[in-house]
Amino acid sequence: MQQLFKEMFGEMSAWGRFWLFLGLMTLVWAAAMSYSFGSEISFKHAAFLTCLSAVAAFLPDAARQQWDDGRRSIALVLGLLALPTLLIEFYTHAGYTAGLRGSNIETAQVQNMRHDGAQKTAEENAALLASFKAQLAKFRSENEWTTTASADALRKELTAHDKAIELETARKGCKVKCLALMEKKAAVEAKIAVIEKGNDLAKKIDGMQAVVDKKRDVAATVEHKSSAVDHQNKFLAKSVSLISNGSLNPSEILTESATQTVNLAMALAGTGLPALALFIAGLYRRRDDDHTHPHQERSETVSSSGASPAHPGAPVPRHTLPTIIHKHTTNTVQDLRARDMVAELAANFGRATAGYRQAA
């Protein structure tokens, strides 16, 4: 993979490598977000959108390269294709961002509804318990005798009154005495009713106390969830409202606008940053002719006929040996046998032409 990118971008300056690293890093995470968005539909959609992220990131640089190479028509076609590709990539990131932020807010809202409901239920039960306690306190203040009386003891008195009434009736004299006995019995029954009313209130208090304790335990375990996304949206909406209206109470439209603005901004960043970084990295490519440094000069090639030595028969110096010129480097041939052969040919040529030189 490293060799592939080296061939794609060539030799790059330090700035070029820096932007290439940023571009590849942002591309990895942008593709991961696209994958997450597509995985909500199917694995095939996730894989396709991941590949689309890579195409959207490299397409602008490919169009610029074609333009620099003189293929203007192809460059224009690639540039036009980059627009819908980036739009699809933008939709992917917008959907992923909006879905994730919306889910964060909704999760917090549902959790906080449970929390508030548990707290409210506990408060209502506590208020009902306090009401029962107040009723019992008032009842006992009005019927202090109930604190020392017992309904069971009074029921025993009822049995005695019933027996007396029965005996008096058997004597066939149940007139004034029977009436008095019945009045006593009724008074005892009334006392029993009052005591039982107080006992009922006490039972209600005991039962409600158990309910209140249980609801308090539940309320203590229901966690209040804080949404960072919701706080971000509120901060932005309040800031805009404060600047524009001088108020910290933004309207519903302003609050929703803040949410959508953040979603769009994050989607644009996720879409454009990989392509932008890779496009800038491509600007730092070194062309082929950039590899030749000014202080490096090409050596001249010795002619095929060979160079005549300064003195006939003298060995050819090493710096006059034939050289092979490559595109990027210069290599000197250090073959000693070739050097001796050239020297011998030069010496023979000198002896053969010595007479002509003297005559001349």
Protein backbone atom coordinates (compact mmCIF):
# COMPACT_ATOMS: atom_id res chain seq x y z
CA MET A 1 0.00 0.00 0.00
CA GLN A 2 2.88 2.33 0.79
CA GLN A 3 4.41 1.65 -2.63
CA LEU A 4 1.03 2.26 -4.26
CA PHE A 5 0.69 5.72 -2.73
CA LYS A 6 4.31 6.47 -3.56
CA GLU A 7 3.62 5.72 -7.20
CA MET A 8 0.39 7.73 -7.09
CA PHE A 9 1.84 10.83 -5.49
CA GLY A 10 5.52 10.41 -6.37
CA GLU A 11 8.31 12.00 -4.42
CA MET A 12 6.77 14.65 -2.16
CA SER A 13 8.11 17.44 -0.04
CA ALA A 14 7.60 17.46 3.72
CA TRP A 15 4.44 19.55 3.36
CA GLY A 16 3.13 17.11 0.79
CA ARG A 17 3.68 14.13 3.09
CA PHE A 18 2.03 16.05 5.93
CA TRP A 19 -1.13 16.75 3.91
CA LEU A 20 -1.14 13.21 2.53
CA PHE A 21 -1.08 11.84 6.08
CA LEU A 22 -3.93 14.13 7.13
CA GLY A 23 -5.91 13.20 4.03
CA LEU A 24 -5.56 9.49 4.60
CA MET A 25 -6.42 9.78 8.30
CA THR A 26 -9.57 11.83 7.64
CA LEU A 27 -10.50 9.45 4.83
CA VAL A 28 -10.29 6.45 7.16
CA TRP A 29 -12.65 8.02 9.68
CA ALA A 30 -14.97 9.46 7.03
CA ALA A 31 -15.23 6.01 5.46
CA ALA A 32 -15.92 4.52 8.91
CA MET A 33 -18.84 6.94 9.37
CA SER A 34 -20.16 6.07 5.92
CA TYR A 35 -19.90 2.38 6.80
CA SER A 36 -21.85 2.92 10.03
CA PHE A 37 -24.57 4.78 8.16
CA GLY A 38 -24.84 2.09 5.47
CA SER A 39 -24.78 -0.77 7.98
CA GLU A 40 -28.17 0.41 9.26
CA ILE A 41 -29.53 -0.73 5.88
CA SER A 42 -27.38 -3.71 4.90
CA PHE A 43 -23.75 -4.83 4.72
CA LYS A 44 -23.74 -4.24 0.95
CA HIS A 45 -24.79 -0.64 1.41
CA ALA A 46 -22.10 -0.20 4.06
CA ALA A 47 -19.36 -1.59 1.80
CA PHE A 48 -20.54 0.48 -1.18
CA LEU A 49 -20.64 3.73 0.78
CA THR A 50 -17.16 3.02 2.15
CA CYS A 51 -15.83 2.74 -1.41
CA LEU A 52 -17.76 5.87 -2.38
CA SER A 53 -15.94 7.79 0.37
CA ALA A 54 -12.60 6.84 -1.21
CA VAL A 55 -13.78 7.82 -4.69
CA ALA A 56 -15.07 11.18 -3.44
CA ALA A 57 -11.74 11.84 -1.70
CA PHE A 58 -9.44 11.06 -4.66
CA LEU A 59 -11.60 12.27 -7.59
CA PRO A 60 -10.81 16.02 -7.31
CA ASP A 61 -7.06 15.35 -7.31
CA ALA A 62 -7.43 12.99 -10.28
CA ALA A 63 -9.27 15.73 -12.19
CA ARG A 64 -6.52 18.24 -11.42
CA GLN A 65 -3.84 15.79 -12.54
CA GLN A 66 -5.58 15.27 -15.87
CA TRP A 67 -5.81 19.04 -16.29
CA ASP A 68 -2.09 19.47 -15.60
CA ASP A 69 -1.30 16.71 -18.12
CA GLY A 70 -3.21 18.61 -20.80
CA ARG A 71 -6.24 16.31 -20.92
CA ARG A 72 -8.72 19.09 -20.34
CA SER A 73 -11.81 17.22 -21.55
CA ILE A 74 -11.19 14.26 -19.23
CA ALA A 75 -10.45 16.66 -16.39
CA LEU A 76 -13.77 18.44 -16.91
CA VAL A 77 -15.67 15.14 -16.98
CA LEU A 78 -14.00 13.99 -13.76
CA GLY A 79 -14.70 17.35 -12.15
CA LEU A 80 -18.39 17.13 -13.09
CA LEU A 81 -18.58 13.57 -11.75
CA ALA A 82 -16.99 14.71 -8.50
CA LEU A 83 -19.96 16.97 -7.73
CA PRO A 84 -22.70 14.30 -7.43
CA THR A 85 -20.23 11.94 -5.76
CA LEU A 86 -19.49 14.52 -3.09
CA LEU A 87 -23.22 15.25 -2.73
CA ILE A 88 -23.95 11.58 -2.04
CA GLU A 89 -21.06 11.53 0.42
CA PHE A 90 -22.51 14.65 2.05
CA TYR A 91 -25.92 13.00 2.39
CA THR A 92 -24.27 9.98 4.00
CA HIS A 93 -22.48 12.09 6.57
CA ALA A 94 -25.51 14.31 7.15
CA GLY A 95 -27.68 11.25 7.81
CA TYR A 96 -25.09 9.68 10.09
CA THR A 97 -24.53 12.89 12.06
CA ALA A 98 -28.22 13.77 12.38
CA GLY A 99 -29.11 10.21 13.36
CA LEU A 100 -26.40 9.96 15.99
CA ARG A 101 -27.05 13.38 17.50
CA GLY A 102 -30.82 12.87 17.42
CA SER A 103 -30.49 9.47 19.06
CA ASN A 104 -28.32 10.97 21.78
CA ILE A 105 -30.92 13.64 22.55
CA GLU A 106 -33.89 11.24 22.44
CA THR A 107 -32.16 8.70 24.68
CA ALA A 108 -31.49 11.41 27.24
CA GLN A 109 -35.06 12.70 27.00
CA VAL A 110 -36.62 9.25 27.52
CA GLN A 111 -34.28 8.51 30.41
CA ASN A 112 -35.01 11.86 32.02
CA MET A 113 -38.77 11.29 31.62
CA ARG A 114 -38.36 8.08 33.61
CA HIS A 115 -36.27 9.92 36.16
CA ASP A 116 -38.75 12.77 36.50
CA GLY A 117 -41.69 10.33 36.66
CA ALA A 118 -40.06 8.33 39.43
CA GLN A 119 -39.27 11.50 41.37
CA LYS A 120 -42.82 12.82 40.90
CA THR A 121 -44.39 9.53 41.99
CA ALA A 122 -42.23 9.49 45.09
CA GLU A 123 -43.22 13.07 45.86
CA GLU A 124 -46.94 12.36 45.37
CA ASN A 125 -46.82 9.30 47.61
CA ALA A 126 -44.91 11.26 50.23
CA ALA A 127 -47.57 13.99 50.09
CA LEU A 128 -50.34 11.39 50.48
CA LEU A 129 -48.52 9.89 53.45
CA ALA A 130 -48.21 13.30 55.03
CA SER A 131 -51.97 13.82 54.52
CA PHE A 132 -52.78 10.53 56.26
CA LYS A 133 -50.51 11.42 59.15
CA ALA A 134 -52.18 14.81 59.49
CA GLN A 135 -55.63 13.16 59.55
CA LEU A 136 -54.51 10.71 62.24
CA ALA A 137 -53.01 13.50 64.33
CA LYS A 138 -56.25 15.51 64.11
CA PHE A 139 -58.32 12.42 64.90
CA ARG A 140 -56.32 11.65 68.03
CA SER A 141 -56.40 15.26 69.18
CA GLU A 142 -60.20 15.14 68.97
CA ASN A 143 -60.45 11.65 70.50
CA GLU A 144 -57.66 11.42 73.00
CA TRP A 145 -59.43 8.59 74.86
CA THR A 146 -58.76 6.30 71.85
CA THR A 147 -55.08 6.16 72.76
CA THR A 148 -55.96 4.17 75.94
CA ALA A 149 -59.06 2.31 74.73
CA SER A 150 -59.17 -1.02 72.97
CA ALA A 151 -61.78 -2.15 70.47
CA ASP A 152 -61.48 -5.74 71.71
CA ALA A 153 -62.22 -4.71 75.29
CA LEU A 154 -65.22 -2.72 74.16
CA ARG A 155 -66.50 -5.71 72.19
CA LYS A 156 -66.51 -7.69 75.42
CA GLU A 157 -68.70 -4.97 76.93
CA LEU A 158 -71.06 -5.42 73.98
CA THR A 159 -71.41 -9.10 74.87
CA ALA A 160 -72.34 -8.19 78.43
CA HIS A 161 -74.87 -5.64 77.25
CA ASP A 162 -76.40 -8.15 74.85
CA LYS A 163 -76.75 -10.70 77.67
CA ALA A 164 -78.39 -8.17 79.98
CA ILE A 165 -80.85 -7.14 77.32
CA GLU A 166 -81.63 -10.78 76.64
CA LEU A 167 -82.34 -11.51 80.32
CA GLU A 168 -84.44 -8.42 80.73
CA THR A 169 -86.44 -9.36 77.69
CA ALA A 170 -87.02 -12.87 79.13
CA ARG A 171 -88.56 -11.32 82.23
CA LYS A 172 -90.97 -9.53 79.95
CA GLY A 173 -90.05 -6.25 81.52
CA CYS A 174 -87.89 -4.76 78.74
CA LYS A 175 -89.15 -1.30 78.94
CA VAL A 176 -87.15 1.42 80.63
CA LYS A 177 -84.30 -0.93 81.62
CA CYS A 178 -84.00 -2.37 78.13
CA LEU A 179 -83.91 1.09 76.67
CA ALA A 180 -81.10 2.11 79.01
CA LEU A 181 -79.15 -1.07 78.21
CA MET A 182 -79.59 -0.51 74.48
CA GLU A 183 -78.32 3.07 74.80
CA LYS A 184 -75.21 1.83 76.60
CA LYS A 185 -74.69 -0.76 73.93
CA ALA A 186 -75.04 1.87 71.18
CA ALA A 187 -72.51 4.09 72.98
CA VAL A 188 -70.04 1.23 73.14
CA GLU A 189 -70.56 0.46 69.46
CA ALA A 190 -69.93 4.14 68.62
CA LYS A 191 -66.65 4.05 70.55
CA ILE A 192 -65.63 0.90 68.73
CA ALA A 193 -66.36 2.59 65.38
CA VAL A 194 -64.22 5.59 66.37
CA ILE A 195 -61.34 3.37 67.45
CA GLU A 196 -61.55 1.34 64.24
CA LYS A 197 -61.49 4.55 62.20
CA GLY A 198 -58.26 5.52 63.90
CA ASN A 199 -56.90 2.01 63.37
CA ASP A 200 -57.76 2.21 59.67
CA LEU A 201 -55.87 5.49 59.36
CA ALA A 202 -52.89 3.91 61.11
CA LYS A 203 -52.99 0.94 58.71
CA LYS A 204 -53.14 3.27 55.71
CA ILE A 205 -50.13 5.15 57.03
CA ASP A 206 -48.16 1.93 57.47
CA GLY A 207 -49.04 0.78 53.96
CA MET A 208 -48.29 4.15 52.38
CA GLN A 209 -45.02 4.35 54.26
CA ALA A 210 -43.94 1.07 52.66
CA VAL A 211 -44.95 2.40 49.23
CA VAL A 212 -43.10 5.67 49.77
CA ASP A 213 -39.94 3.85 50.86
CA LYS A 214 -40.09 1.64 47.76
CA LYS A 215 -40.69 4.54 45.39
CA ARG A 216 -37.85 6.48 46.94
CA ASP A 217 -35.54 3.53 46.35
CA VAL A 218 -36.67 3.35 42.71
CA ALA A 219 -36.26 7.11 42.26
CA ALA A 220 -32.75 6.87 43.68
CA THR A 221 -31.75 4.23 41.13
CA VAL A 222 -33.24 5.97 38.06
CA GLU A 223 -30.30 7.94 36.67
CA HIS A 224 -30.64 11.40 35.22
CA LYS A 225 -28.92 11.39 31.81
CA SER A 226 -27.16 14.49 30.56
CA SER A 227 -26.95 14.96 26.78
CA ALA A 228 -23.83 16.76 25.58
CA VAL A 229 -25.45 17.21 22.17
CA ASP A 230 -28.48 18.88 23.73
CA HIS A 231 -26.25 21.23 25.71
CA GLN A 232 -24.30 22.09 22.55
CA ASN A 233 -27.50 22.91 20.68
CA LYS A 234 -28.82 25.02 23.55
CA PHE A 235 -25.50 26.86 23.84
CA LEU A 236 -25.49 27.75 20.15
CA ALA A 237 -29.17 28.77 20.14
CA LYS A 238 -28.78 30.90 23.27
CA SER A 239 -25.64 32.55 21.91
CA VAL A 240 -27.35 33.52 18.66
CA SER A 241 -30.46 34.69 20.55
CA LEU A 242 -28.32 36.75 22.95
CA ILE A 243 -26.44 38.44 20.10
CA SER A 244 -29.45 39.03 17.87
CA ASN A 245 -32.26 39.62 20.39
CA GLY A 246 -30.49 40.25 23.68
CA SER A 247 -32.37 37.31 25.23
CA LEU A 248 -31.39 33.90 26.57
CA ASN A 249 -34.74 32.43 25.58
CA PRO A 250 -34.38 31.35 21.93
CA SER A 251 -37.45 30.64 19.86
CA GLU A 252 -38.34 27.16 18.68
CA ILE A 253 -37.23 28.04 15.14
CA LEU A 254 -33.88 29.31 16.40
CA THR A 255 -33.33 26.20 18.52
CA GLU A 256 -34.08 23.87 15.60
CA SER A 257 -31.94 26.02 13.28
CA ALA A 258 -28.99 25.59 15.64
CA THR A 259 -29.41 21.83 15.55
CA GLN A 260 -29.56 21.67 11.75
CA THR A 261 -26.64 24.08 11.36
CA VAL A 262 -24.39 21.89 13.48
CA ASN A 263 -25.49 18.78 11.58
CA LEU A 264 -24.78 20.40 8.20
CA ALA A 265 -21.43 21.79 9.31
CA MET A 266 -20.23 18.42 10.59
CA ALA A 267 -21.45 16.69 7.44
CA LEU A 268 -19.63 19.22 5.24
CA ALA A 269 -16.44 18.72 7.22
CA GLY A 270 -16.67 14.94 6.97
CA THR A 271 -17.29 15.19 3.23
CA GLY A 272 -14.76 17.81 2.21
CA LEU A 273 -11.75 17.38 4.48
CA PRO A 274 -10.37 14.13 2.97
CA ALA A 275 -10.72 15.43 -0.60
CA LEU A 276 -9.25 18.83 0.35
CA ALA A 277 -6.25 17.35 2.17
CA LEU A 278 -5.46 14.91 -0.65
CA PHE A 279 -5.90 17.69 -3.25
CA ILE A 280 -3.40 19.88 -1.37
CA ALA A 281 -1.01 16.94 -1.00
CA GLY A 282 -1.09 16.52 -4.79
CA LEU A 283 0.13 20.09 -5.20
CA TYR A 284 3.42 19.12 -3.57
CA ARG A 285 4.32 16.40 -6.06
CA ARG A 286 7.84 16.62 -7.45
CA ARG A 287 7.97 16.34 -11.21
CA ASP A 288 10.58 14.23 -12.99
CA ASP A 289 12.69 17.26 -13.83
CA ASP A 290 12.65 18.34 -10.20
CA HIS A 291 15.00 15.48 -9.25
CA THR A 292 18.06 17.09 -10.97
CA HIS A 293 19.69 19.45 -8.54
CA PRO A 294 21.39 22.65 -9.81
CA HIS A 295 24.82 21.68 -8.42
CA GLN A 296 24.79 18.41 -10.38
CA GLU A 297 26.10 18.73 -13.94
CA ARG A 298 25.91 16.05 -16.57
CA SER A 299 29.21 14.65 -17.85
CA GLU A 300 29.96 14.88 -21.50
CA THR A 301 30.16 11.69 -23.50
CA VAL A 302 33.46 10.77 -25.03
CA SER A 303 33.15 10.39 -28.82
CA SER A 304 33.13 6.91 -30.27
CA SER A 305 36.50 7.48 -31.94
CA GLY A 306 38.09 8.10 -28.56
CA ALA A 307 40.05 11.10 -27.35
CA SER A 308 43.73 11.49 -28.30
CA PRO A 309 46.02 11.53 -25.31
CA ALA A 310 48.19 14.51 -24.69
CA HIS A 311 51.26 12.39 -25.48
CA PRO A 312 51.26 9.40 -27.80
CA GLY A 313 51.53 6.17 -25.94
CA ALA A 314 50.59 7.75 -22.65
CA PRO A 315 47.92 5.96 -20.67
CA VAL A 316 44.51 7.41 -20.84
CA PRO A 317 43.60 9.24 -17.57
CA ARG A 318 40.67 7.89 -15.60
CA HIS A 319 38.71 11.09 -15.96
CA THR A 320 38.64 10.69 -19.74
CA LEU A 321 37.13 7.22 -19.67
CA PRO A 322 33.74 6.76 -21.38
CA THR A 323 30.70 7.58 -19.23
CA ILE A 324 27.14 6.28 -19.33
CA ILE A 325 24.48 8.96 -18.78
CA HIS A 326 21.23 7.91 -17.14
CA LYS A 327 18.17 10.03 -16.50
CA HIS A 328 18.91 10.66 -12.84
CA THR A 329 22.53 9.48 -12.20
CA THR A 330 25.90 9.44 -13.90
CA ASN A 331 28.09 6.31 -13.65
CA THR A 332 31.76 6.09 -14.80
CA VAL A 333 32.93 2.82 -16.36
CA GLN A 334 36.02 1.62 -14.52
CA ASP A 335 37.09 -1.26 -16.86
CA LEU A 336 40.94 -1.46 -16.82
CA ARG A 337 41.12 -3.73 -19.88
CA ALA A 338 39.26 -1.22 -21.97
CA ARG A 339 41.60 1.49 -20.73
CA ASP A 340 44.75 -0.50 -21.74
CA MET A 341 43.24 -1.33 -25.15
CA VAL A 342 42.51 2.33 -25.83
CA ALA A 343 46.02 3.29 -24.70
CA GLU A 344 47.64 0.70 -27.02
CA LEU A 345 45.57 1.85 -30.02
CA ALA A 346 46.58 5.43 -29.33
CA ALA A 347 50.28 4.49 -29.14
CA ASN A 348 50.17 2.52 -32.44
CA PHE A 349 48.36 5.37 -34.11
CA GLY A 350 51.08 7.75 -32.88
CA ARG A 351 53.93 5.63 -34.24
CA ALA A 352 52.20 5.10 -37.60
CA THR A 353 51.68 8.79 -38.15
CA ALA A 354 55.03 9.98 -36.72
CA GLY A 355 56.69 10.22 -40.21
CA TYR A 356 53.84 12.25 -41.63
CA ARG A 357 53.98 14.62 -38.69
CA GLN A 358 57.71 15.13 -39.13
CA ALA A 359 57.33 15.73 -42.88
CA ALA A 360 54.60 18.18 -42.15
